[in-house]
N, C-alpha and C. Protein backbone atom coordinates (compact mmCIF):
# COMPACT_ATOMS: atom_id res chain seq x y z
N MET A 1 -33.61 -96.95 -102.16
CA MET A 1 -33.80 -98.58 -101.96
C MET A 1 -32.20 -99.08 -102.53
N LYS A 2 -31.70 -99.83 -101.78
CA LYS A 2 -30.32 -100.57 -102.16
C LYS A 2 -30.61 -101.88 -102.79
N ASN A 3 -29.90 -102.11 -103.69
CA ASN A 3 -30.02 -103.20 -104.55
C ASN A 3 -28.70 -104.04 -104.18
N ARG A 4 -28.63 -105.21 -103.40
CA ARG A 4 -27.33 -105.82 -103.07
C ARG A 4 -27.29 -107.05 -104.07
N PRO A 5 -26.08 -107.41 -104.36
CA PRO A 5 -25.82 -108.47 -105.20
C PRO A 5 -26.27 -109.76 -104.41
N PRO A 6 -26.63 -111.08 -104.85
CA PRO A 6 -26.70 -112.29 -104.07
C PRO A 6 -25.68 -112.57 -103.62
N LEU A 7 -25.79 -113.29 -102.12
CA LEU A 7 -24.59 -113.57 -101.56
C LEU A 7 -23.64 -114.55 -102.16
N PRO A 8 -24.30 -115.47 -102.84
CA PRO A 8 -22.85 -116.57 -103.38
C PRO A 8 -22.07 -115.82 -104.40
N ILE A 9 -22.52 -114.56 -105.20
CA ILE A 9 -21.65 -114.11 -106.09
C ILE A 9 -20.64 -113.36 -105.21
N VAL A 10 -21.02 -112.66 -104.10
CA VAL A 10 -20.19 -111.94 -103.31
C VAL A 10 -19.12 -112.78 -102.75
N ALA A 11 -19.41 -113.89 -102.20
CA ALA A 11 -18.65 -115.11 -101.80
C ALA A 11 -17.62 -115.57 -102.67
N VAL A 12 -18.17 -115.90 -103.76
CA VAL A 12 -16.90 -116.26 -104.84
C VAL A 12 -16.41 -115.37 -105.40
N ALA A 13 -16.55 -114.07 -105.41
CA ALA A 13 -15.71 -112.95 -105.70
C ALA A 13 -14.53 -112.96 -104.60
N ILE A 14 -15.06 -112.75 -103.34
CA ILE A 14 -14.02 -112.79 -102.18
C ILE A 14 -13.00 -113.71 -102.12
N ALA A 15 -13.52 -114.98 -102.51
CA ALA A 15 -12.83 -116.23 -102.33
C ALA A 15 -11.76 -116.09 -103.56
N TYR A 16 -12.14 -115.76 -104.87
CA TYR A 16 -11.08 -115.67 -105.87
C TYR A 16 -10.41 -114.59 -105.90
N PHE A 17 -10.55 -113.53 -105.32
CA PHE A 17 -9.57 -112.34 -105.06
C PHE A 17 -8.56 -112.65 -104.01
N PHE A 18 -8.78 -113.43 -103.10
CA PHE A 18 -8.06 -114.14 -102.09
C PHE A 18 -7.14 -115.06 -102.88
N TYR A 19 -7.59 -115.80 -103.81
CA TYR A 19 -6.74 -116.83 -104.48
C TYR A 19 -5.88 -116.24 -105.48
N LEU A 20 -6.27 -115.03 -105.93
CA LEU A 20 -5.40 -114.34 -106.96
C LEU A 20 -4.33 -113.68 -106.03
N VAL A 21 -4.57 -112.95 -104.93
CA VAL A 21 -3.65 -112.12 -104.31
C VAL A 21 -2.52 -113.14 -103.68
N TRP A 22 -3.17 -114.58 -103.25
CA TRP A 22 -2.09 -115.52 -102.90
C TRP A 22 -1.23 -115.86 -103.81
N GLN A 23 -1.65 -116.16 -105.21
CA GLN A 23 -0.96 -116.39 -106.17
C GLN A 23 0.40 -115.37 -106.48
N MET A 24 -0.15 -114.21 -106.45
CA MET A 24 0.73 -112.91 -106.75
C MET A 24 1.87 -112.91 -105.53
N VAL A 25 1.32 -113.13 -104.35
CA VAL A 25 2.19 -113.08 -103.27
C VAL A 25 3.41 -114.12 -103.20
N THR A 26 2.90 -115.20 -103.35
CA THR A 26 3.54 -116.46 -103.33
C THR A 26 4.54 -116.66 -104.71
N GLU A 27 4.12 -116.35 -105.68
CA GLU A 27 5.00 -116.52 -107.05
C GLU A 27 4.36 -115.52 -108.03
N PHE A 28 4.93 -114.35 -108.15
CA PHE A 28 4.28 -113.31 -109.02
C PHE A 28 4.55 -113.54 -110.46
N MET A 29 3.52 -113.66 -111.16
CA MET A 29 3.38 -113.49 -112.69
C MET A 29 2.63 -112.50 -113.23
N PRO A 30 3.17 -111.81 -114.42
CA PRO A 30 2.52 -110.90 -115.12
C PRO A 30 1.05 -111.33 -115.45
N VAL A 31 0.71 -112.69 -115.68
CA VAL A 31 -0.58 -112.93 -116.25
C VAL A 31 -1.41 -113.10 -114.97
N THR A 32 -0.83 -113.25 -113.74
CA THR A 32 -1.88 -113.16 -112.61
C THR A 32 -2.14 -111.78 -112.54
N ALA A 33 -1.43 -110.96 -112.70
CA ALA A 33 -1.71 -109.55 -112.31
C ALA A 33 -2.64 -109.05 -113.44
N GLY A 34 -2.53 -109.55 -114.53
CA GLY A 34 -3.60 -109.38 -115.60
C GLY A 34 -4.82 -109.86 -115.42
N ARG A 35 -4.98 -111.16 -114.90
CA ARG A 35 -6.33 -111.74 -114.44
C ARG A 35 -6.85 -111.16 -113.30
N PHE A 36 -5.92 -110.35 -112.41
CA PHE A 36 -6.60 -109.71 -111.36
C PHE A 36 -7.28 -108.54 -111.87
N ALA A 37 -6.67 -107.78 -112.62
CA ALA A 37 -7.28 -106.31 -113.09
C ALA A 37 -8.47 -106.65 -113.98
N VAL A 38 -8.47 -107.70 -114.74
CA VAL A 38 -9.69 -107.88 -115.61
C VAL A 38 -10.71 -108.58 -114.87
N SER A 39 -10.39 -109.31 -113.74
CA SER A 39 -11.65 -109.86 -112.66
C SER A 39 -12.12 -108.66 -111.96
N VAL A 40 -11.19 -107.67 -111.58
CA VAL A 40 -11.76 -106.49 -110.79
C VAL A 40 -12.74 -105.75 -111.73
N ALA A 41 -12.44 -105.40 -112.98
CA ALA A 41 -13.25 -104.99 -113.93
C ALA A 41 -14.51 -105.84 -114.01
N LEU A 42 -14.47 -106.80 -114.26
CA LEU A 42 -15.57 -107.56 -114.57
C LEU A 42 -16.68 -107.72 -113.27
N PHE A 43 -16.14 -108.08 -112.09
CA PHE A 43 -16.95 -108.24 -111.01
C PHE A 43 -17.42 -106.76 -110.51
N PHE A 44 -16.70 -105.76 -110.70
CA PHE A 44 -17.24 -104.22 -110.85
C PHE A 44 -18.75 -104.02 -111.44
N PHE A 45 -18.74 -104.47 -112.61
CA PHE A 45 -19.90 -104.43 -113.56
C PHE A 45 -20.76 -105.61 -113.09
N VAL A 46 -20.46 -106.62 -112.47
CA VAL A 46 -21.43 -107.67 -112.19
C VAL A 46 -22.07 -107.24 -110.87
N PHE A 47 -21.39 -106.46 -110.03
CA PHE A 47 -22.03 -106.03 -108.63
C PHE A 47 -22.76 -104.71 -108.95
N ARG A 48 -22.67 -104.07 -110.08
CA ARG A 48 -23.51 -103.25 -110.43
C ARG A 48 -24.83 -103.45 -111.25
N GLY A 49 -24.97 -104.93 -111.54
CA GLY A 49 -26.09 -105.47 -111.95
C GLY A 49 -26.00 -105.53 -113.52
N SER A 50 -25.00 -105.69 -114.10
CA SER A 50 -24.80 -105.62 -115.59
C SER A 50 -25.24 -107.11 -115.89
N ARG A 51 -26.19 -107.33 -116.87
CA ARG A 51 -26.24 -108.63 -117.20
C ARG A 51 -25.51 -109.21 -118.22
N ALA A 52 -24.80 -108.29 -119.08
CA ALA A 52 -23.66 -108.79 -119.89
C ALA A 52 -22.55 -109.34 -119.30
N ALA A 53 -22.10 -108.57 -117.97
CA ALA A 53 -21.09 -108.89 -117.33
C ALA A 53 -21.45 -110.11 -116.55
N GLY A 54 -22.73 -110.41 -116.00
CA GLY A 54 -22.90 -111.72 -115.33
C GLY A 54 -22.88 -112.84 -116.46
N ASN A 55 -23.42 -112.68 -117.75
CA ASN A 55 -23.37 -113.80 -118.61
C ASN A 55 -21.80 -113.89 -118.85
N THR A 56 -21.09 -112.99 -118.94
CA THR A 56 -19.73 -113.29 -119.27
C THR A 56 -18.78 -113.89 -118.34
N LEU A 57 -19.27 -113.70 -117.04
CA LEU A 57 -18.81 -114.44 -115.87
C LEU A 57 -19.15 -115.78 -115.92
N ALA A 58 -20.52 -116.12 -116.20
CA ALA A 58 -21.17 -117.42 -116.36
C ALA A 58 -20.38 -118.18 -117.15
N PHE A 59 -20.11 -117.46 -118.63
CA PHE A 59 -19.38 -118.11 -119.63
C PHE A 59 -18.08 -118.45 -119.46
N LEU A 60 -17.43 -117.57 -118.88
CA LEU A 60 -15.80 -117.94 -118.50
C LEU A 60 -15.81 -119.11 -117.47
N CYS A 61 -16.64 -118.98 -116.58
CA CYS A 61 -16.63 -119.98 -115.59
C CYS A 61 -16.86 -121.51 -116.01
N ALA A 62 -17.80 -121.42 -116.96
CA ALA A 62 -18.06 -122.78 -117.60
C ALA A 62 -17.11 -123.40 -118.58
N VAL A 63 -16.32 -122.26 -119.43
CA VAL A 63 -15.12 -122.93 -119.92
C VAL A 63 -14.01 -122.98 -119.27
N SER A 64 -13.75 -122.40 -118.13
CA SER A 64 -12.86 -122.91 -117.15
C SER A 64 -12.93 -124.15 -116.66
N ALA A 65 -14.30 -124.63 -116.30
CA ALA A 65 -14.79 -126.01 -115.82
C ALA A 65 -14.26 -127.03 -116.73
N VAL A 66 -14.56 -126.60 -118.06
CA VAL A 66 -14.38 -127.83 -119.09
C VAL A 66 -13.03 -127.78 -119.47
N MET A 67 -12.25 -126.81 -119.24
CA MET A 67 -10.44 -127.19 -119.42
C MET A 67 -10.20 -127.92 -118.19
N LEU A 68 -10.37 -127.59 -116.99
CA LEU A 68 -10.33 -128.36 -115.92
C LEU A 68 -10.71 -129.74 -115.90
N LEU A 69 -11.89 -130.02 -116.60
CA LEU A 69 -12.16 -131.67 -116.60
C LEU A 69 -11.49 -132.09 -117.97
N VAL A 70 -10.97 -131.42 -118.81
CA VAL A 70 -9.82 -132.05 -119.75
C VAL A 70 -8.52 -132.27 -119.05
N SER A 71 -8.26 -131.44 -118.09
CA SER A 71 -6.91 -131.63 -117.54
C SER A 71 -7.04 -132.81 -116.55
N THR A 72 -8.29 -132.96 -115.96
CA THR A 72 -8.48 -134.25 -115.07
C THR A 72 -8.13 -135.59 -116.02
N VAL A 73 -8.78 -135.44 -117.14
CA VAL A 73 -8.67 -136.82 -118.03
C VAL A 73 -7.13 -137.12 -118.43
N ALA A 74 -6.61 -135.80 -118.50
CA ALA A 74 -5.01 -135.83 -118.83
C ALA A 74 -4.20 -136.34 -117.86
N SER A 75 -4.61 -136.13 -116.44
CA SER A 75 -3.68 -136.43 -115.24
C SER A 75 -4.22 -137.47 -114.37
N ILE A 76 -5.15 -137.94 -114.78
CA ILE A 76 -5.94 -139.24 -113.87
C ILE A 76 -5.04 -140.24 -113.44
N LYS A 77 -4.10 -140.66 -114.62
CA LYS A 77 -3.33 -141.92 -114.33
C LYS A 77 -2.08 -141.41 -113.50
N GLU A 78 -1.70 -140.52 -113.52
CA GLU A 78 -0.45 -139.92 -112.73
C GLU A 78 -0.73 -139.53 -111.35
N ASN A 79 -1.79 -138.80 -111.01
CA ASN A 79 -2.10 -138.28 -109.84
C ASN A 79 -3.77 -138.09 -109.49
N VAL A 80 -4.09 -139.31 -108.83
CA VAL A 80 -5.66 -139.34 -108.65
C VAL A 80 -5.90 -138.37 -107.77
N LYS A 81 -5.34 -138.15 -106.70
CA LYS A 81 -5.84 -137.06 -105.87
C LYS A 81 -5.84 -135.55 -106.46
N GLU A 82 -4.95 -135.33 -107.42
CA GLU A 82 -5.20 -134.02 -108.20
C GLU A 82 -6.36 -134.04 -109.01
N ALA A 83 -6.46 -135.25 -109.76
CA ALA A 83 -7.60 -135.48 -110.62
C ALA A 83 -8.95 -135.23 -109.79
N ILE A 84 -9.17 -135.81 -108.64
CA ILE A 84 -10.27 -135.70 -107.79
C ILE A 84 -10.51 -134.03 -107.43
N ALA A 85 -9.48 -133.44 -106.98
CA ALA A 85 -9.48 -131.84 -106.82
C ALA A 85 -9.81 -131.21 -107.78
N LEU A 86 -9.47 -131.42 -109.29
CA LEU A 86 -9.54 -130.57 -110.38
C LEU A 86 -11.05 -130.81 -110.55
N THR A 87 -11.66 -132.11 -110.40
CA THR A 87 -13.07 -132.50 -110.80
C THR A 87 -13.96 -131.95 -109.94
N VAL A 88 -13.73 -131.65 -108.62
CA VAL A 88 -14.45 -130.89 -107.48
C VAL A 88 -14.52 -129.54 -108.11
N PHE A 89 -13.36 -128.96 -108.09
CA PHE A 89 -13.33 -127.59 -108.73
C PHE A 89 -14.16 -127.44 -109.99
N ALA A 90 -13.87 -128.21 -110.93
CA ALA A 90 -14.68 -128.07 -112.18
C ALA A 90 -16.14 -128.03 -111.68
N VAL A 91 -16.59 -128.96 -111.14
CA VAL A 91 -17.94 -129.05 -110.74
C VAL A 91 -18.61 -127.96 -109.84
N SER A 92 -17.91 -127.16 -109.26
CA SER A 92 -18.03 -126.03 -108.49
C SER A 92 -18.10 -124.72 -109.54
N LEU A 93 -17.29 -124.84 -110.47
CA LEU A 93 -17.35 -123.79 -111.28
C LEU A 93 -18.58 -124.03 -112.22
N LEU A 94 -18.99 -124.98 -112.63
CA LEU A 94 -20.19 -125.23 -113.32
C LEU A 94 -21.20 -124.85 -112.51
N ALA A 95 -21.54 -125.41 -111.28
CA ALA A 95 -22.50 -124.92 -110.42
C ALA A 95 -22.80 -123.41 -110.31
N PHE A 96 -21.51 -122.81 -110.03
CA PHE A 96 -21.64 -121.15 -109.99
C PHE A 96 -22.03 -120.67 -111.22
N ALA A 97 -21.59 -121.23 -112.51
CA ALA A 97 -21.91 -120.60 -113.80
C ALA A 97 -23.51 -120.59 -113.95
N ALA A 98 -24.02 -121.96 -113.80
CA ALA A 98 -25.30 -122.31 -113.80
C ALA A 98 -26.29 -121.27 -112.82
N TYR A 99 -25.69 -121.08 -111.68
CA TYR A 99 -26.27 -120.16 -110.45
C TYR A 99 -26.41 -118.98 -111.29
N VAL A 100 -25.40 -118.26 -111.83
CA VAL A 100 -25.24 -116.90 -112.24
C VAL A 100 -26.12 -116.74 -113.51
N PHE A 101 -26.13 -117.84 -114.54
CA PHE A 101 -26.99 -117.68 -115.68
C PHE A 101 -28.57 -118.04 -115.36
N PHE A 102 -28.78 -119.01 -114.39
CA PHE A 102 -30.25 -119.33 -114.23
C PHE A 102 -31.09 -118.80 -113.18
N SER A 103 -30.30 -118.25 -112.10
CA SER A 103 -30.82 -118.21 -110.78
C SER A 103 -31.85 -116.93 -110.79
N PRO A 104 -33.17 -116.97 -110.31
CA PRO A 104 -33.95 -115.93 -110.39
C PRO A 104 -33.62 -114.97 -109.36
N LYS A 105 -32.87 -115.00 -108.55
CA LYS A 105 -32.30 -114.08 -107.52
C LYS A 105 -31.38 -113.18 -108.37
N VAL A 106 -30.34 -113.73 -109.13
CA VAL A 106 -29.49 -112.91 -109.75
C VAL A 106 -30.28 -112.28 -110.75
N ARG A 107 -31.20 -112.86 -111.51
CA ARG A 107 -32.01 -111.92 -112.58
C ARG A 107 -32.77 -110.71 -111.96
N ALA A 108 -33.32 -110.99 -110.89
CA ALA A 108 -33.98 -110.01 -109.97
C ALA A 108 -33.28 -108.80 -109.65
N PHE A 109 -31.88 -109.47 -109.29
CA PHE A 109 -30.82 -108.26 -108.73
C PHE A 109 -30.60 -107.30 -110.11
N GLN A 110 -30.53 -108.06 -111.24
CA GLN A 110 -29.90 -107.42 -112.27
C GLN A 110 -31.12 -106.49 -112.89
N ARG A 111 -32.27 -106.97 -112.85
CA ARG A 111 -33.30 -106.12 -113.29
C ARG A 111 -33.53 -104.89 -112.41
N ASN A 112 -33.43 -105.05 -111.14
CA ASN A 112 -33.60 -103.95 -110.15
C ASN A 112 -32.49 -103.13 -110.28
N ALA A 113 -31.38 -103.43 -110.47
CA ALA A 113 -30.09 -102.56 -110.66
C ALA A 113 -30.40 -101.56 -111.96
N VAL A 114 -30.97 -102.07 -113.20
CA VAL A 114 -31.31 -101.30 -114.26
C VAL A 114 -32.29 -100.23 -113.98
N VAL A 115 -33.52 -100.63 -113.08
CA VAL A 115 -34.48 -99.73 -112.77
C VAL A 115 -33.90 -98.70 -111.85
N LEU A 116 -33.03 -99.03 -110.83
CA LEU A 116 -32.52 -97.89 -110.17
C LEU A 116 -31.54 -97.16 -110.74
N GLN A 117 -30.74 -97.54 -111.72
CA GLN A 117 -30.06 -96.65 -112.62
C GLN A 117 -30.69 -95.79 -113.44
N LYS A 118 -31.96 -96.20 -114.01
CA LYS A 118 -32.85 -95.17 -114.77
C LYS A 118 -33.31 -94.25 -113.88
N SER A 119 -33.72 -94.36 -112.82
CA SER A 119 -34.42 -93.23 -111.87
C SER A 119 -33.47 -92.44 -111.37
């Protein structure tokens, strides 16, 4: 029996990896390469059904969203369009974090992954 990760997690992972690759191609920075390596490791365990990795991913997304909202408050007077974009991105991150942490589909996937690994 195959246990597949929920589609929203796969879609976000693909979009995020394309974003990181685009950053490394356009303007390479070692911190981006490090973020890419850590993200590959984290998503590897998320896709295998690790609840700890899923919770870590949700926590990091939530912290990133809060940081973006702080940046939004700081930049709203200088650039309204940027502030709106940051707000949309922050809300998206919060929604994804809530999905990963509270979704019954994600919990069922994680539960089934543990059962499959034991057998």
